[in-house]
Amino acid sequence: ADWEMYFDGSKSTIGAGIGILFITPEREMIPYSLKLNFSCTHNMAEYEALIQGLKMLLKFKVQRVRIFGDSLLAV
């Protein structure tokens, strides 16, 4: 079975952040969120969420993953 990764980035007047949810083949959910400490656009936040998620999947040594996001630019 595959892992699943859901990601999203957000930007507002008070800052930006990312959210990622990993679901293991055993259906365990691993949430992750991070406030970004640099100025960015909404699209940059979306890219950052995808990049951070991919880095974490490498650390988890995941071989197969299905990735979901609402950004037409990043997926």
PDB file of N, CA and C in Angstrom:
ATOM      1  N   ALA A   1       0.844  -1.202   0.000  1.00  0.00           N
ATOM      2  CA  ALA A   1       0.000   0.000   0.000  1.00  0.00           C
ATOM      3  C   ALA A   1       0.877   1.250   0.000  1.00  0.00           C
ATOM      4  N   ASP A   2       0.316   2.320  -0.484  1.00  0.00           N
ATOM      5  CA  ASP A   2       1.042   3.586  -0.583  1.00  0.00           C
ATOM      6  C   ASP A   2       0.787   4.476   0.625  1.00  0.00           C
ATOM      7  N   TRP A   3       1.737   5.358   0.885  1.00  0.00           N
ATOM      8  CA  TRP A   3       1.506   6.475   1.786  1.00  0.00           C
ATOM      9  C   TRP A   3       0.673   7.502   1.034  1.00  0.00           C
ATOM     10  N   GLU A   4       0.038   8.400   1.782  1.00  0.00           N
ATOM     11  CA  GLU A   4      -0.648   9.546   1.196  1.00  0.00           C
ATOM     12  C   GLU A   4      -0.097  10.802   1.854  1.00  0.00           C
ATOM     13  N   MET A   5       0.001  11.872   1.078  1.00  0.00           N
ATOM     14  CA  MET A   5       0.414  13.163   1.622  1.00  0.00           C
ATOM     15  C   MET A   5      -0.541  14.230   1.108  1.00  0.00           C
ATOM     16  N   TYR A   6      -1.094  14.998   2.028  1.00  0.00           N
ATOM     17  CA  TYR A   6      -1.946  16.139   1.701  1.00  0.00           C
ATOM     18  C   TYR A   6      -1.206  17.384   2.162  1.00  0.00           C
ATOM     19  N   PHE A   7      -1.160  18.409   1.326  1.00  0.00           N
ATOM     20  CA  PHE A   7      -0.424  19.614   1.707  1.00  0.00           C
ATOM     21  C   PHE A   7      -1.203  20.863   1.326  1.00  0.00           C
ATOM     22  N   ASP A   8      -0.902  21.948   2.050  1.00  0.00           N
ATOM     23  CA  ASP A   8      -1.500  23.245   1.732  1.00  0.00           C
ATOM     24  C   ASP A   8      -0.594  24.337   2.276  1.00  0.00           C
ATOM     25  N   GLY A   9      -0.568  25.442   1.584  1.00  0.00           N
ATOM     26  CA  GLY A   9       0.155  26.620   2.037  1.00  0.00           C
ATOM     27  C   GLY A   9      -0.813  27.774   2.131  1.00  0.00           C
ATOM     28  N   SER A  10      -0.533  28.693   3.044  1.00  0.00           N
ATOM     29  CA  SER A  10      -1.444  29.818   3.245  1.00  0.00           C
ATOM     30  C   SER A  10      -0.655  31.086   3.520  1.00  0.00           C
ATOM     31  N   LYS A  11      -1.208  32.204   3.076  1.00  0.00           N
ATOM     32  CA  LYS A  11      -0.578  33.515   3.279  1.00  0.00           C
ATOM     33  C   LYS A  11      -1.657  34.499   3.684  1.00  0.00           C
ATOM     34  N   SER A  12      -1.363  35.308   4.693  1.00  0.00           N
ATOM     35  CA  SER A  12      -2.286  36.373   5.100  1.00  0.00           C
ATOM     36  C   SER A  12      -1.470  37.611   5.446  1.00  0.00           C
ATOM     37  N   THR A  13      -2.143  38.634   5.911  1.00  0.00           N
ATOM     38  CA  THR A  13      -1.439  39.870   6.262  1.00  0.00           C
ATOM     39  C   THR A  13      -0.542  39.692   7.483  1.00  0.00           C
ATOM     40  N   ILE A  14      -0.793  38.676   8.302  1.00  0.00           N
ATOM     41  CA  ILE A  14       0.024  38.484   9.508  1.00  0.00           C
ATOM     42  C   ILE A  14       1.100  37.418   9.345  1.00  0.00           C
ATOM     43  N   GLY A  15       1.199  36.822   8.167  1.00  0.00           N
ATOM     44  CA  GLY A  15       2.245  35.831   7.947  1.00  0.00           C
ATOM     45  C   GLY A  15       1.801  34.706   7.035  1.00  0.00           C
ATOM     46  N   ALA A  16       2.637  33.682   6.986  1.00  0.00           N
ATOM     47  CA  ALA A  16       2.369  32.537   6.115  1.00  0.00           C
ATOM     48  C   ALA A  16       2.691  31.253   6.859  1.00  0.00           C
ATOM     49  N   GLY A  17       2.086  30.174   6.405  1.00  0.00           N
ATOM     50  CA  GLY A  17       2.334  28.886   7.033  1.00  0.00           C
ATOM     51  C   GLY A  17       1.990  27.749   6.097  1.00  0.00           C
ATOM     52  N   ILE A  18       2.362  26.554   6.536  1.00  0.00           N
ATOM     53  CA  ILE A  18       2.075  25.360   5.753  1.00  0.00           C
ATOM     54  C   ILE A  18       1.457  24.299   6.647  1.00  0.00           C
ATOM     55  N   GLY A  19       0.699  23.427   6.029  1.00  0.00           N
ATOM     56  CA  GLY A  19       0.133  22.281   6.718  1.00  0.00           C
ATOM     57  C   GLY A  19       0.297  21.050   5.851  1.00  0.00           C
ATOM     58  N   ILE A  20       0.671  19.956   6.497  1.00  0.00           N
ATOM     59  CA  ILE A  20       0.876  18.696   5.786  1.00  0.00           C
ATOM     60  C   ILE A  20       0.264  17.581   6.621  1.00  0.00           C
ATOM     61  N   LEU A  21      -0.380  16.645   5.960  1.00  0.00           N
ATOM     62  CA  LEU A  21      -0.895  15.456   6.634  1.00  0.00           C
ATOM     63  C   LEU A  21      -0.382  14.233   5.889  1.00  0.00           C
ATOM     64  N   PHE A  22       0.299  13.370   6.627  1.00  0.00           N
ATOM     65  CA  PHE A  22       0.762  12.096   6.081  1.00  0.00           C
ATOM     66  C   PHE A  22      -0.162  11.004   6.597  1.00  0.00           C
ATOM     67  N   ILE A  23      -0.510  10.064   5.734  1.00  0.00           N
ATOM     68  CA  ILE A  23      -1.280   8.896   6.147  1.00  0.00           C
ATOM     69  C   ILE A  23      -0.485   7.665   5.733  1.00  0.00           C
ATOM     70  N   THR A  24      -0.127   6.858   6.727  1.00  0.00           N
ATOM     71  CA  THR A  24       0.676   5.664   6.473  1.00  0.00           C
ATOM     72  C   THR A  24      -0.188   4.569   5.848  1.00  0.00           C
ATOM     73  N   PRO A  25       0.444   3.537   5.296  1.00  0.00           N
ATOM     74  CA  PRO A  25      -0.339   2.415   4.758  1.00  0.00           C
ATOM     75  C   PRO A  25      -1.233   1.756   5.813  1.00  0.00           C
ATOM     76  N   GLU A  26      -0.855   1.888   7.091  1.00  0.00           N
ATOM     77  CA  GLU A  26      -1.669   1.338   8.187  1.00  0.00           C
ATOM     78  C   GLU A  26      -2.759   2.307   8.622  1.00  0.00           C
ATOM     79  N   ARG A  27      -2.903   3.420   7.897  1.00  0.00           N
ATOM     80  CA  ARG A  27      -3.913   4.467   8.123  1.00  0.00           C
ATOM     81  C   ARG A  27      -3.606   5.334   9.349  1.00  0.00           C
ATOM     82  N   GLU A  28      -2.377   5.336   9.828  1.00  0.00           N
ATOM     83  CA  GLU A  28      -1.971   6.244  10.900  1.00  0.00           C
ATOM     84  C   GLU A  28      -1.805   7.637  10.302  1.00  0.00           C
ATOM     85  N   MET A  29      -2.334   8.650  10.998  1.00  0.00           N
ATOM     86  CA  MET A  29      -2.239  10.029  10.519  1.00  0.00           C
ATOM     87  C   MET A  29      -1.121  10.759  11.248  1.00  0.00           C
ATOM     88  N   ILE A  30      -0.282  11.439  10.480  1.00  0.00           N
ATOM     89  CA  ILE A  30       0.836  12.206  11.030  1.00  0.00           C
ATOM     90  C   ILE A  30       0.693  13.641  10.530  1.00  0.00           C
ATOM     91  N   PRO A  31       0.174  14.550  11.383  1.00  0.00           N
ATOM     92  CA  PRO A  31       0.022  15.943  10.958  1.00  0.00           C
ATOM     93  C   PRO A  31       1.305  16.741  11.199  1.00  0.00           C
ATOM     94  N   TYR A  32       1.502  17.776  10.397  1.00  0.00           N
ATOM     95  CA  TYR A  32       2.667  18.650  10.541  1.00  0.00           C
ATOM     96  C   TYR A  32       2.263  20.044  10.081  1.00  0.00           C
ATOM     97  N   SER A  33       2.626  21.041  10.869  1.00  0.00           N
ATOM     98  CA  SER A  33       2.380  22.424  10.453  1.00  0.00           C
ATOM     99  C   SER A  33       3.579  23.276  10.834  1.00  0.00           C
ATOM    100  N   LEU A  34       3.745  24.371  10.108  1.00  0.00           N
ATOM    101  CA  LEU A  34       4.910  25.222  10.313  1.00  0.00           C
ATOM    102  C   LEU A  34       4.576  26.643   9.907  1.00  0.00           C
ATOM    103  N   LYS A  35       4.936  27.587  10.768  1.00  0.00           N
ATOM    104  CA  LYS A  35       4.815  29.005  10.414  1.00  0.00           C
ATOM    105  C   LYS A  35       6.079  29.383   9.654  1.00  0.00           C
ATOM    106  N   LEU A  36       5.918  29.987   8.505  1.00  0.00           N
ATOM    107  CA  LEU A  36       7.074  30.380   7.697  1.00  0.00           C
ATOM    108  C   LEU A  36       7.638  31.698   8.218  1.00  0.00           C
ATOM    109  N   ASN A  37       8.939  31.752   8.379  1.00  0.00           N
ATOM    110  CA  ASN A  37       9.570  32.951   8.943  1.00  0.00           C
ATOM    111  C   ASN A  37      10.232  33.810   7.865  1.00  0.00           C
ATOM    112  N   PHE A  38       9.641  33.789   6.675  1.00  0.00           N
ATOM    113  CA  PHE A  38      10.130  34.650   5.603  1.00  0.00           C
ATOM    114  C   PHE A  38       8.939  35.180   4.816  1.00  0.00           C
ATOM    115  N   SER A  39       9.141  36.305   4.177  1.00  0.00           N
ATOM    116  CA  SER A  39       8.081  36.919   3.386  1.00  0.00           C
ATOM    117  C   SER A  39       7.881  36.121   2.100  1.00  0.00           C
ATOM    118  N   CYS A  40       6.623  35.843   1.775  1.00  0.00           N
ATOM    119  CA  CYS A  40       6.368  35.057   0.572  1.00  0.00           C
ATOM    120  C   CYS A  40       4.961  35.316   0.049  1.00  0.00           C
ATOM    121  N   THR A  41       4.717  34.844  -1.151  1.00  0.00           N
ATOM    122  CA  THR A  41       3.385  34.908  -1.744  1.00  0.00           C
ATOM    123  C   THR A  41       2.626  33.629  -1.384  1.00  0.00           C
ATOM    124  N   HIS A  42       1.331  33.623  -1.714  1.00  0.00           N
ATOM    125  CA  HIS A  42       0.539  32.412  -1.477  1.00  0.00           C
ATOM    126  C   HIS A  42       1.111  31.231  -2.266  1.00  0.00           C
ATOM    127  N   ASN A  43       1.483  31.470  -3.516  1.00  0.00           N
ATOM    128  CA  ASN A  43       2.048  30.385  -4.335  1.00  0.00           C
ATOM    129  C   ASN A  43       3.356  29.861  -3.763  1.00  0.00           C
ATOM    130  N   MET A  44       4.176  30.755  -3.230  1.00  0.00           N
ATOM    131  CA  MET A  44       5.429  30.324  -2.610  1.00  0.00           C
ATOM    132  C   MET A  44       5.151  29.449  -1.396  1.00  0.00           C
ATOM    133  N   ALA A  45       4.120  29.782  -0.624  1.00  0.00           N
ATOM    134  CA  ALA A  45       3.746  28.971   0.538  1.00  0.00           C
ATOM    135  C   ALA A  45       3.288  27.585   0.089  1.00  0.00           C
ATOM    136  N   GLU A  46       2.549  27.516  -1.017  1.00  0.00           N
ATOM    137  CA  GLU A  46       2.119  26.220  -1.559  1.00  0.00           C
ATOM    138  C   GLU A  46       3.339  25.376  -1.947  1.00  0.00           C
ATOM    139  N   TYR A  47       4.284  25.980  -2.665  1.00  0.00           N
ATOM    140  CA  TYR A  47       5.502  25.268  -3.050  1.00  0.00           C
ATOM    141  C   TYR A  47       6.272  24.801  -1.819  1.00  0.00           C
ATOM    142  N   GLU A  48       6.376  25.670  -0.819  1.00  0.00           N
ATOM    143  CA  GLU A  48       7.116  25.321   0.394  1.00  0.00           C
ATOM    144  C   GLU A  48       6.477  24.124   1.098  1.00  0.00           C
ATOM    145  N   ALA A  49       5.148  24.078   1.126  1.00  0.00           N
ATOM    146  CA  ALA A  49       4.457  22.941   1.738  1.00  0.00           C
ATOM    147  C   ALA A  49       4.802  21.650   0.996  1.00  0.00           C
ATOM    148  N   LEU A  50       4.772  21.697  -0.321  1.00  0.00           N
ATOM    149  CA  LEU A  50       5.110  20.518  -1.119  1.00  0.00           C
ATOM    150  C   LEU A  50       6.561  20.100  -0.889  1.00  0.00           C
ATOM    151  N   ILE A  51       7.472  21.058  -0.913  1.00  0.00           N
ATOM    152  CA  ILE A  51       8.898  20.759  -0.736  1.00  0.00           C
ATOM    153  C   ILE A  51       9.169  20.166   0.638  1.00  0.00           C
ATOM    154  N   GLN A  52       8.620  20.771   1.689  1.00  0.00           N
ATOM    155  CA  GLN A  52       8.837  20.255   3.044  1.00  0.00           C
ATOM    156  C   GLN A  52       8.255  18.852   3.192  1.00  0.00           C
ATOM    157  N   GLY A  53       7.091  18.627   2.593  1.00  0.00           N
ATOM    158  CA  GLY A  53       6.494  17.296   2.640  1.00  0.00           C
ATOM    159  C   GLY A  53       7.362  16.256   1.954  1.00  0.00           C
ATOM    160  N   LEU A  54       7.897  16.597   0.795  1.00  0.00           N
ATOM    161  CA  LEU A  54       8.776  15.668   0.080  1.00  0.00           C
ATOM    162  C   LEU A  54      10.041  15.372   0.878  1.00  0.00           C
ATOM    163  N   LYS A  55      10.605  16.388   1.523  1.00  0.00           N
ATOM    164  CA  LYS A  55      11.793  16.178   2.362  1.00  0.00           C
ATOM    165  C   LYS A  55      11.492  15.220   3.509  1.00  0.00           C
ATOM    166  N   MET A  56      10.311  15.385   4.122  1.00  0.00           N
ATOM    167  CA  MET A  56       9.946  14.503   5.227  1.00  0.00           C
ATOM    168  C   MET A  56       9.731  13.071   4.738  1.00  0.00           C
ATOM    169  N   LEU A  57       9.139  12.916   3.565  1.00  0.00           N
ATOM    170  CA  LEU A  57       8.953  11.572   3.014  1.00  0.00           C
ATOM    171  C   LEU A  57      10.296  10.884   2.787  1.00  0.00           C
ATOM    172  N   LEU A  58      11.299  11.641   2.348  1.00  0.00           N
ATOM    173  CA  LEU A  58      12.640  11.073   2.186  1.00  0.00           C
ATOM    174  C   LEU A  58      13.194  10.616   3.527  1.00  0.00           C
ATOM    175  N   LYS A  59      12.990  11.415   4.578  1.00  0.00           N
ATOM    176  CA  LYS A  59      13.461  11.033   5.918  1.00  0.00           C
ATOM    177  C   LYS A  59      12.747   9.783   6.416  1.00  0.00           C
ATOM    178  N   PHE A  60      11.457   9.658   6.078  1.00  0.00           N
ATOM    179  CA  PHE A  60      10.683   8.468   6.461  1.00  0.00           C
ATOM    180  C   PHE A  60      11.047   7.259   5.593  1.00  0.00           C
ATOM    181  N   LYS A  61      11.867   7.483   4.559  1.00  0.00           N
ATOM    182  CA  LYS A  61      12.260   6.438   3.605  1.00  0.00           C
ATOM    183  C   LYS A  61      11.047   5.829   2.889  1.00  0.00           C
ATOM    184  N   VAL A  62      10.116   6.688   2.524  1.00  0.00           N
ATOM    185  CA  VAL A  62       8.908   6.252   1.822  1.00  0.00           C
ATOM    186  C   VAL A  62       9.251   5.957   0.363  1.00  0.00           C
ATOM    187  N   GLN A  63       8.824   4.811  -0.118  1.00  0.00           N
ATOM    188  CA  GLN A  63       9.082   4.401  -1.502  1.00  0.00           C
ATOM    189  C   GLN A  63       7.967   4.832  -2.456  1.00  0.00           C
ATOM    190  N   ARG A  64       6.712   4.733  -1.987  1.00  0.00           N
ATOM    191  CA  ARG A  64       5.565   5.047  -2.843  1.00  0.00           C
ATOM    192  C   ARG A  64       4.623   5.966  -2.083  1.00  0.00           C
ATOM    193  N   VAL A  65       4.172   7.018  -2.779  1.00  0.00           N
ATOM    194  CA  VAL A  65       3.287   7.992  -2.134  1.00  0.00           C
ATOM    195  C   VAL A  65       2.330   8.566  -3.174  1.00  0.00           C
ATOM    196  N   ARG A  66       1.134   8.860  -2.723  1.00  0.00           N
ATOM    197  CA  ARG A  66       0.169   9.612  -3.535  1.00  0.00           C
ATOM    198  C   ARG A  66       0.062  10.983  -2.886  1.00  0.00           C
ATOM    199  N   ILE A  67       0.207  12.037  -3.670  1.00  0.00           N
ATOM    200  CA  ILE A  67       0.248  13.400  -3.140  1.00  0.00           C
ATOM    201  C   ILE A  67      -0.973  14.172  -3.606  1.00  0.00           C
ATOM    202  N   PHE A  68      -1.588  14.885  -2.655  1.00  0.00           N
ATOM    203  CA  PHE A  68      -2.793  15.652  -2.933  1.00  0.00           C
ATOM    204  C   PHE A  68      -2.621  17.084  -2.443  1.00  0.00           C
ATOM    205  N   GLY A  69      -3.064  18.040  -3.243  1.00  0.00           N
ATOM    206  CA  GLY A  69      -3.053  19.441  -2.850  1.00  0.00           C
ATOM    207  C   GLY A  69      -4.074  20.192  -3.678  1.00  0.00           C
ATOM    208  N   ASP A  70      -4.453  21.373  -3.214  1.00  0.00           N
ATOM    209  CA  ASP A  70      -5.464  22.147  -3.945  1.00  0.00           C
ATOM    210  C   ASP A  70      -4.856  23.171  -4.897  1.00  0.00           C
ATOM    211  N   SER A  71      -3.530  23.221  -4.962  1.00  0.00           N
ATOM    212  CA  SER A  71      -2.855  24.173  -5.837  1.00  0.00           C
ATOM    213  C   SER A  71      -2.683  23.585  -7.233  1.00  0.00           C
ATOM    214  N   LEU A  72      -3.288  24.208  -8.222  1.00  0.00           N
ATOM    215  CA  LEU A  72      -3.097  23.755  -9.600  1.00  0.00           C
ATOM    216  C   LEU A  72      -1.693  24.078 -10.092  1.00  0.00           C
ATOM    217  N   LEU A  73      -1.030  25.021  -9.434  1.00  0.00           N
ATOM    218  CA  LEU A  73       0.320  25.410  -9.813  1.00  0.00           C
ATOM    219  C   LEU A  73       1.347  24.373  -9.364  1.00  0.00           C
ATOM    220  N   ALA A  74       1.154  23.810  -8.166  1.00  0.00           N
ATOM    221  CA  ALA A  74       2.161  22.925  -7.580  1.00  0.00           C
ATOM    222  C   ALA A  74       1.951  21.452  -7.904  1.00  0.00           C
ATOM    223  N   VAL A  75       0.759  21.067  -8.324  1.00  0.00           N
ATOM    224  CA  VAL A  75       0.504  19.635  -8.567  1.00  0.00           C
ATOM    225  C   VAL A  75       0.265  19.406 -10.046  1.00  0.00           C
TER     226      VAL A  75
END
